Amino acid sequence: MSRCEHGVEELCPAGAKLYERALRAGHVGAEEAAEAPCLTDSGLLHPALDDLGRLEPVAPAAALHRLLRSSAARIADERRREERLVAQFEPLLRAVEPGAGGETPTLRLHSGTKPINEAITDAMAEAGREVLCIQSHAGLTGPRARAAVAAARERDQAILDRGARIRALYQHTLRHVPAVYGGFERLRGDMEVRGLDELPDRLIVIDREVAFLPADGDGGLALEVRHPALIKYFVTTFDRLWRLASPLYPTLEQRPTVNGITPRQQAIAALLVEGHTDAVIAERLGMNIRTARVHIAKLATMLGSESRAQLGYLIGRSGILDQEG
C-alpha cells in the first residue's frame, strides 16, 4: 500500500474526494481506500463492525474537533519547548553579553506593534536631550501607522516639554498628507522637520544612546540597539541626510522647478534613468503607482519622448539631473 506524503491533519486531493464519497454513500470498500491511506491513518474512515471489508466515515464535525485538539496539543508542546529553551539559554546569553552583570544588552529584539511601541516609549521616558527620527512612507500607512502615530504623539510632547529637541526626516510626498503635517502643528517645542525624496525605513535615535529600527519588512519586529559604534554610525548617517534635506516644518521651503519640471518629477527622472519600473519608483518615492505614471507621462510629453527607452535618453540630454537639488 502506498503512503501519503503529508501529515495526518491534511487531506490529499484523492483523500478528500474519497472521504466526500464515503459521507454521501455512508461507506466505501476497503480496497478503494488503498489510494488514500491518510483517511484510515487519520481516523476519518474506520472498519464497519459487521463487515471489515467496508469502511465507514467519521462525521466531519467530530473529525475536525479531534484534529484541532491534536493540533492544539502540539502547539502547547512547542510553547513549552520554547520556554525550556529560553530558560536554558538566558544565563548563557548573559554570560557572553558585554552588558553581563546587570547592564543593558547592546542588542534586543522586540516582536509585535504594542511591545515595540512600549519599548520606544520607555526609552524616551528616560531621555531629555535629543530625538533623531527617519520616517519613510512605509511606516505611515495602514495599521502600523495608526498604532505608531497614536503612541508617538504623547511621548513626543513629553520629551519636548523636558526641553529636548526633535529632528525628523520625512519623504517629500508626506507633506501633502494632512494627518502627518497636522501632527507637527499639534506639538509644542523645539521640533524641526526636513524632507527628502527617498529615505530608508524607520529609524529612531534617542539621546545618541539607544536606537530602534525595523528588523523585518512589515514592521512586526524591531531591533533595539545600544552599541556605541552602531549608534555613532546611525547618527552620522542621519546628519548627512539632514544636510541634503529641505525644510518642511516649522518653515516650508518650496523647491524650485527646472525648466518647468518639478522636484518630484526630477526624482522620478533620476530613477527612470537608473532603469527602475513604475512600481519600484512609486515605492521608493512614497506614492501610489498611478501618481507615478501620471508624472512619467508628463515628463514624456515635456521632453517629446515617444518611448520609455527614448525618455531615459532625453532626460540625460536635458540637463535635468545636473541641476537637481
Foldseek 3Di string as FASTA:
>chain_A
DDADPDDLLDFDPLRVVVLVVLVVVQKDFPVSCPVPCSCVVLVQWDADPVGNRIIGGDPPVVSVVVSVVVVVVVVVVVVVVVVVVCVVCVVVVLVPAPLRPPRDGQKDKDFALVRVLVVVLVLLVPFAAEKEKEAELLCCDDPNNVSNLVSPLVSVQVNQVSVYEYEYEYAPVCLPPCVVVVSVVVHDHHYWYWHDQFDDHMKMQTPLAWMKDAPDDNRRMIMIGRDNVVSVVVVVVRVVVVVVTGTSPPDHDQDDADPPQGLLLLQLLVVLLVPDDLCVSCVRRNHDSVVSVVSVVVLCVVQVHDDSVVSNVSSVVVCSNVPRD
